[in-house]
Amino acid sequence: MEGRNITDGAAAARRARFGRLPERIRREDMIEEKTATPLDPTRYDHNPERSWMSFSCLAADLGL
């Protein structure tokens, strides 16, 4: 009989702590709206003097 009381006490403690679901979160509370940044045309311009920096080459990395 003692084992049953311990189990019932543990079950009651679990039920008190986890017995119900948390409150529902509204969709509006989960969404954050930000304005988009404008497109920067200079970001994707081709610069022939700096084009050598845009590739990855093991020989170049080793200085060969």
PDB file of N, CA and C in Angstrom:
ATOM      1  N   MET A   1       0.797  -1.200   0.000  1.00  0.00           N
ATOM      2  CA  MET A   1       0.000   0.000   0.000  1.00  0.00           C
ATOM      3  C   MET A   1       0.845   1.273   0.000  1.00  0.00           C
ATOM      4  N   GLU A   2       2.029   1.217   0.603  1.00  0.00           N
ATOM      5  CA  GLU A   2       2.858   2.418   0.638  1.00  0.00           C
ATOM      6  C   GLU A   2       3.321   2.804  -0.755  1.00  0.00           C
ATOM      7  N   GLY A   3       3.654   1.811  -1.578  1.00  0.00           N
ATOM      8  CA  GLY A   3       4.086   2.093  -2.941  1.00  0.00           C
ATOM      9  C   GLY A   3       3.011   2.824  -3.725  1.00  0.00           C
ATOM     10  N   ARG A   4       1.782   2.504  -3.465  1.00  0.00           N
ATOM     11  CA  ARG A   4       0.681   3.164  -4.164  1.00  0.00           C
ATOM     12  C   ARG A   4       0.560   4.623  -3.747  1.00  0.00           C
ATOM     13  N   ASN A   5       0.783   4.937  -2.496  1.00  0.00           N
ATOM     14  CA  ASN A   5       0.705   6.321  -2.036  1.00  0.00           C
ATOM     15  C   ASN A   5       1.840   7.150  -2.627  1.00  0.00           C
ATOM     16  N   ILE A   6       3.032   6.558  -2.722  1.00  0.00           N
ATOM     17  CA  ILE A   6       4.160   7.272  -3.300  1.00  0.00           C
ATOM     18  C   ILE A   6       3.888   7.550  -4.775  1.00  0.00           C
ATOM     19  N   THR A   7       3.385   6.557  -5.478  1.00  0.00           N
ATOM     20  CA  THR A   7       3.068   6.722  -6.887  1.00  0.00           C
ATOM     21  C   THR A   7       1.964   7.757  -7.064  1.00  0.00           C
ATOM     22  N   ASP A   8       0.951   7.697  -6.223  1.00  0.00           N
ATOM     23  CA  ASP A   8      -0.137   8.675  -6.320  1.00  0.00           C
ATOM     24  C   ASP A   8       0.364  10.082  -6.021  1.00  0.00           C
ATOM     25  N   GLY A   9       1.275  10.212  -5.067  1.00  0.00           N
ATOM     26  CA  GLY A   9       1.837  11.521  -4.752  1.00  0.00           C
ATOM     27  C   GLY A   9       2.655  12.065  -5.907  1.00  0.00           C
ATOM     28  N   ALA A  10       3.456  11.188  -6.531  1.00  0.00           N
ATOM     29  CA  ALA A  10       4.259  11.599  -7.677  1.00  0.00           C
ATOM     30  C   ALA A  10       3.351  11.946  -8.856  1.00  0.00           C
ATOM     31  N   ALA A  11       2.314  11.156  -9.044  1.00  0.00           N
ATOM     32  CA  ALA A  11       1.379  11.432 -10.129  1.00  0.00           C
ATOM     33  C   ALA A  11       0.649  12.746  -9.875  1.00  0.00           C
ATOM     34  N   ALA A  12       0.303  13.010  -8.643  1.00  0.00           N
ATOM     35  CA  ALA A  12      -0.371  14.269  -8.322  1.00  0.00           C
ATOM     36  C   ALA A  12       0.559  15.454  -8.549  1.00  0.00           C
ATOM     37  N   ALA A  13       1.845  15.296  -8.224  1.00  0.00           N
ATOM     38  CA  ALA A  13       2.811  16.370  -8.442  1.00  0.00           C
ATOM     39  C   ALA A  13       2.987  16.625  -9.939  1.00  0.00           C
ATOM     40  N   ARG A  14       3.059  15.553 -10.732  1.00  0.00           N
ATOM     41  CA  ARG A  14       3.177  15.713 -12.178  1.00  0.00           C
ATOM     42  C   ARG A  14       1.935  16.385 -12.749  1.00  0.00           C
ATOM     43  N   ARG A  15       0.782  15.964 -12.274  1.00  0.00           N
ATOM     44  CA  ARG A  15      -0.461  16.550 -12.749  1.00  0.00           C
ATOM     45  C   ARG A  15      -0.553  18.035 -12.388  1.00  0.00           C
ATOM     46  N   ALA A  16      -0.060  18.380 -11.199  1.00  0.00           N
ATOM     47  CA  ALA A  16      -0.095  19.785 -10.791  1.00  0.00           C
ATOM     48  C   ALA A  16       0.841  20.623 -11.656  1.00  0.00           C
ATOM     49  N   ARG A  17       1.966  20.048 -12.053  1.00  0.00           N
ATOM     50  CA  ARG A  17       2.944  20.799 -12.833  1.00  0.00           C
ATOM     51  C   ARG A  17       2.642  20.772 -14.333  1.00  0.00           C
ATOM     52  N   PHE A  18       2.276  19.605 -14.858  1.00  0.00           N
ATOM     53  CA  PHE A  18       2.097  19.435 -16.297  1.00  0.00           C
ATOM     54  C   PHE A  18       0.666  19.076 -16.676  1.00  0.00           C
ATOM     55  N   GLY A  19      -0.271  19.280 -15.821  1.00  0.00           N
ATOM     56  CA  GLY A  19      -1.633  18.789 -16.032  1.00  0.00           C
ATOM     57  C   GLY A  19      -2.419  19.490 -17.113  1.00  0.00           C
ATOM     58  N   ARG A  20      -2.006  20.680 -17.517  1.00  0.00           N
ATOM     59  CA  ARG A  20      -2.781  21.374 -18.550  1.00  0.00           C
ATOM     60  C   ARG A  20      -1.821  21.983 -19.558  1.00  0.00           C
ATOM     61  N   LEU A  21      -2.356  22.246 -20.713  1.00  0.00           N
ATOM     62  CA  LEU A  21      -1.555  22.829 -21.784  1.00  0.00           C
ATOM     63  C   LEU A  21      -1.312  24.306 -21.499  1.00  0.00           C
ATOM     64  N   PRO A  22      -0.214  24.838 -21.993  1.00  0.00           N
ATOM     65  CA  PRO A  22       0.017  26.277 -21.827  1.00  0.00           C
ATOM     66  C   PRO A  22      -1.012  27.078 -22.617  1.00  0.00           C
ATOM     67  N   GLU A  23      -1.125  28.348 -22.261  1.00  0.00           N
ATOM     68  CA  GLU A  23      -2.103  29.191 -22.944  1.00  0.00           C
ATOM     69  C   GLU A  23      -1.720  29.339 -24.413  1.00  0.00           C
ATOM     70  N   ARG A  24      -2.735  29.453 -25.245  1.00  0.00           N
ATOM     71  CA  ARG A  24      -2.537  29.575 -26.683  1.00  0.00           C
ATOM     72  C   ARG A  24      -1.919  30.937 -27.009  1.00  0.00           C
ATOM     73  N   ILE A  25      -0.969  30.936 -27.933  1.00  0.00           N
ATOM     74  CA  ILE A  25      -0.329  32.167 -28.376  1.00  0.00           C
ATOM     75  C   ILE A  25      -0.999  32.613 -29.661  1.00  0.00           C
ATOM     76  N   ARG A  26      -1.392  33.871 -29.701  1.00  0.00           N
ATOM     77  CA  ARG A  26      -2.062  34.381 -30.899  1.00  0.00           C
ATOM     78  C   ARG A  26      -1.070  34.496 -32.049  1.00  0.00           C
ATOM     79  N   ARG A  27      -1.576  34.369 -33.247  1.00  0.00           N
ATOM     80  CA  ARG A  27      -0.739  34.472 -34.440  1.00  0.00           C
ATOM     81  C   ARG A  27      -0.098  35.858 -34.542  1.00  0.00           C
ATOM     82  N   GLU A  28      -0.820  36.887 -34.169  1.00  0.00           N
ATOM     83  CA  GLU A  28      -0.306  38.253 -34.240  1.00  0.00           C
ATOM     84  C   GLU A  28       0.899  38.444 -33.321  1.00  0.00           C
ATOM     85  N   ASP A  29       0.943  37.703 -32.227  1.00  0.00           N
ATOM     86  CA  ASP A  29       2.063  37.813 -31.294  1.00  0.00           C
ATOM     87  C   ASP A  29       3.311  37.098 -31.801  1.00  0.00           C
ATOM     88  N   MET A  30       3.157  36.193 -32.758  1.00  0.00           N
ATOM     89  CA  MET A  30       4.295  35.435 -33.270  1.00  0.00           C
ATOM     90  C   MET A  30       4.892  36.037 -34.535  1.00  0.00           C
ATOM     91  N   ILE A  31       4.234  37.008 -35.132  1.00  0.00           N
ATOM     92  CA  ILE A  31       4.678  37.571 -36.401  1.00  0.00           C
ATOM     93  C   ILE A  31       5.249  38.964 -36.168  1.00  0.00           C
ATOM     94  N   GLU A  32       6.408  39.201 -36.740  1.00  0.00           N
ATOM     95  CA  GLU A  32       7.012  40.525 -36.690  1.00  0.00           C
ATOM     96  C   GLU A  32       7.193  41.013 -38.118  1.00  0.00           C
ATOM     97  N   GLU A  33       6.670  42.166 -38.397  1.00  0.00           N
ATOM     98  CA  GLU A  33       6.762  42.713 -39.741  1.00  0.00           C
ATOM     99  C   GLU A  33       7.819  43.804 -39.769  1.00  0.00           C
ATOM    100  N   LYS A  34       8.682  43.733 -40.768  1.00  0.00           N
ATOM    101  CA  LYS A  34       9.709  44.744 -40.972  1.00  0.00           C
ATOM    102  C   LYS A  34       9.641  45.214 -42.414  1.00  0.00           C
ATOM    103  N   THR A  35      10.016  46.446 -42.618  1.00  0.00           N
ATOM    104  CA  THR A  35      10.063  46.932 -43.991  1.00  0.00           C
ATOM    105  C   THR A  35      11.311  46.390 -44.667  1.00  0.00           C
ATOM    106  N   ALA A  36      11.199  46.094 -45.937  1.00  0.00           N
ATOM    107  CA  ALA A  36      12.328  45.560 -46.693  1.00  0.00           C
ATOM    108  C   ALA A  36      13.318  46.677 -46.998  1.00  0.00           C
ATOM    109  N   THR A  37      14.585  46.314 -47.009  1.00  0.00           N
ATOM    110  CA  THR A  37      15.590  47.304 -47.368  1.00  0.00           C
ATOM    111  C   THR A  37      15.575  47.487 -48.886  1.00  0.00           C
ATOM    112  N   PRO A  38      15.780  48.698 -49.359  1.00  0.00           N
ATOM    113  CA  PRO A  38      15.773  48.905 -50.811  1.00  0.00           C
ATOM    114  C   PRO A  38      16.960  48.216 -51.471  1.00  0.00           C
ATOM    115  N   LEU A  39      16.784  47.841 -52.723  1.00  0.00           N
ATOM    116  CA  LEU A  39      17.825  47.158 -53.477  1.00  0.00           C
ATOM    117  C   LEU A  39      18.986  48.114 -53.742  1.00  0.00           C
ATOM    118  N   ASP A  40      20.181  47.676 -53.431  1.00  0.00           N
ATOM    119  CA  ASP A  40      21.386  48.470 -53.662  1.00  0.00           C
ATOM    120  C   ASP A  40      21.984  48.045 -55.001  1.00  0.00           C
ATOM    121  N   PRO A  41      21.901  48.863 -56.046  1.00  0.00           N
ATOM    122  CA  PRO A  41      22.387  48.451 -57.363  1.00  0.00           C
ATOM    123  C   PRO A  41      23.903  48.271 -57.401  1.00  0.00           C
ATOM    124  N   THR A  42      24.650  48.954 -56.550  1.00  0.00           N
ATOM    125  CA  THR A  42      26.111  48.825 -56.571  1.00  0.00           C
ATOM    126  C   THR A  42      26.575  47.520 -55.939  1.00  0.00           C
ATOM    127  N   ARG A  43      25.695  46.827 -55.262  1.00  0.00           N
ATOM    128  CA  ARG A  43      26.084  45.584 -54.588  1.00  0.00           C
ATOM    129  C   ARG A  43      26.507  44.501 -55.579  1.00  0.00           C
ATOM    130  N   TYR A  44      25.831  44.441 -56.722  1.00  0.00           N
ATOM    131  CA  TYR A  44      26.093  43.377 -57.690  1.00  0.00           C
ATOM    132  C   TYR A  44      26.827  43.864 -58.940  1.00  0.00           C
ATOM    133  N   ASP A  45      27.340  45.085 -58.907  1.00  0.00           N
ATOM    134  CA  ASP A  45      28.115  45.587 -60.043  1.00  0.00           C
ATOM    135  C   ASP A  45      29.397  44.784 -60.212  1.00  0.00           C
ATOM    136  N   HIS A  46      29.827  44.653 -61.460  1.00  0.00           N
ATOM    137  CA  HIS A  46      31.063  43.937 -61.750  1.00  0.00           C
ATOM    138  C   HIS A  46      32.225  44.923 -61.726  1.00  0.00           C
ATOM    139  N   ASN A  47      33.230  44.613 -60.916  1.00  0.00           N
ATOM    140  CA  ASN A  47      34.427  45.442 -60.837  1.00  0.00           C
ATOM    141  C   ASN A  47      35.597  44.581 -61.306  1.00  0.00           C
ATOM    142  N   PRO A  48      36.121  44.802 -62.529  1.00  0.00           N
ATOM    143  CA  PRO A  48      37.169  43.928 -63.058  1.00  0.00           C
ATOM    144  C   PRO A  48      38.463  43.964 -62.242  1.00  0.00           C
ATOM    145  N   GLU A  49      38.729  45.062 -61.563  1.00  0.00           N
ATOM    146  CA  GLU A  49      39.953  45.143 -60.770  1.00  0.00           C
ATOM    147  C   GLU A  49      39.877  44.286 -59.514  1.00  0.00           C
ATOM    148  N   ARG A  50      38.687  44.075 -59.003  1.00  0.00           N
ATOM    149  CA  ARG A  50      38.535  43.267 -57.790  1.00  0.00           C
ATOM    150  C   ARG A  50      37.960  41.886 -58.064  1.00  0.00           C
ATOM    151  N   SER A  51      37.796  41.530 -59.332  1.00  0.00           N
ATOM    152  CA  SER A  51      37.173  40.252 -59.655  1.00  0.00           C
ATOM    153  C   SER A  51      38.038  39.067 -59.246  1.00  0.00           C
ATOM    154  N   TRP A  52      39.332  39.272 -59.104  1.00  0.00           N
ATOM    155  CA  TRP A  52      40.210  38.173 -58.695  1.00  0.00           C
ATOM    156  C   TRP A  52      39.943  37.754 -57.252  1.00  0.00           C
ATOM    157  N   MET A  53      39.274  38.593 -56.462  1.00  0.00           N
ATOM    158  CA  MET A  53      39.000  38.273 -55.062  1.00  0.00           C
ATOM    159  C   MET A  53      37.761  37.408 -54.902  1.00  0.00           C
ATOM    160  N   SER A  54      36.998  37.213 -55.969  1.00  0.00           N
ATOM    161  CA  SER A  54      35.713  36.538 -55.838  1.00  0.00           C
ATOM    162  C   SER A  54      35.783  35.032 -56.061  1.00  0.00           C
ATOM    163  N   PHE A  55      36.918  34.486 -56.439  1.00  0.00           N
ATOM    164  CA  PHE A  55      36.980  33.059 -56.671  1.00  0.00           C
ATOM    165  C   PHE A  55      37.820  32.389 -55.580  1.00  0.00           C
ATOM    166  N   SER A  56      37.655  31.101 -55.450  1.00  0.00           N
ATOM    167  CA  SER A  56      38.414  30.345 -54.480  1.00  0.00           C
ATOM    168  C   SER A  56      39.258  29.318 -55.234  1.00  0.00           C
ATOM    169  N   CYS A  57      40.538  29.397 -55.054  1.00  0.00           N
ATOM    170  CA  CYS A  57      41.441  28.492 -55.748  1.00  0.00           C
ATOM    171  C   CYS A  57      42.523  28.058 -54.761  1.00  0.00           C
ATOM    172  N   LEU A  58      42.727  26.780 -54.608  1.00  0.00           N
ATOM    173  CA  LEU A  58      43.698  26.286 -53.660  1.00  0.00           C
ATOM    174  C   LEU A  58      45.100  26.755 -54.017  1.00  0.00           C
ATOM    175  N   ALA A  59      45.445  26.770 -55.300  1.00  0.00           N
ATOM    176  CA  ALA A  59      46.777  27.218 -55.698  1.00  0.00           C
ATOM    177  C   ALA A  59      46.978  28.692 -55.323  1.00  0.00           C
ATOM    178  N   ALA A  60      45.953  29.513 -55.514  1.00  0.00           N
ATOM    179  CA  ALA A  60      46.059  30.919 -55.153  1.00  0.00           C
ATOM    180  C   ALA A  60      46.146  31.092 -53.648  1.00  0.00           C
ATOM    181  N   ASP A  61      45.411  30.274 -52.917  1.00  0.00           N
ATOM    182  CA  ASP A  61      45.450  30.347 -51.461  1.00  0.00           C
ATOM    183  C   ASP A  61      46.817  29.971 -50.920  1.00  0.00           C
ATOM    184  N   LEU A  62      47.469  29.038 -51.577  1.00  0.00           N
ATOM    185  CA  LEU A  62      48.810  28.599 -51.123  1.00  0.00           C
ATOM    186  C   LEU A  62      49.905  29.498 -51.664  1.00  0.00           C
ATOM    187  N   GLY A  63      49.575  30.435 -52.537  1.00  0.00           N
ATOM    188  CA  GLY A  63      50.557  31.347 -53.083  1.00  0.00           C
ATOM    189  C   GLY A  63      51.402  30.729 -54.180  1.00  0.00           C
ATOM    190  N   LEU A  64      50.861  29.740 -54.855  1.00  0.00           N
ATOM    191  CA  LEU A  64      51.621  29.086 -55.933  1.00  0.00           C
ATOM    192  C   LEU A  64      51.392  29.754 -57.257  1.00  0.00           C
TER     193      LEU A  64
END
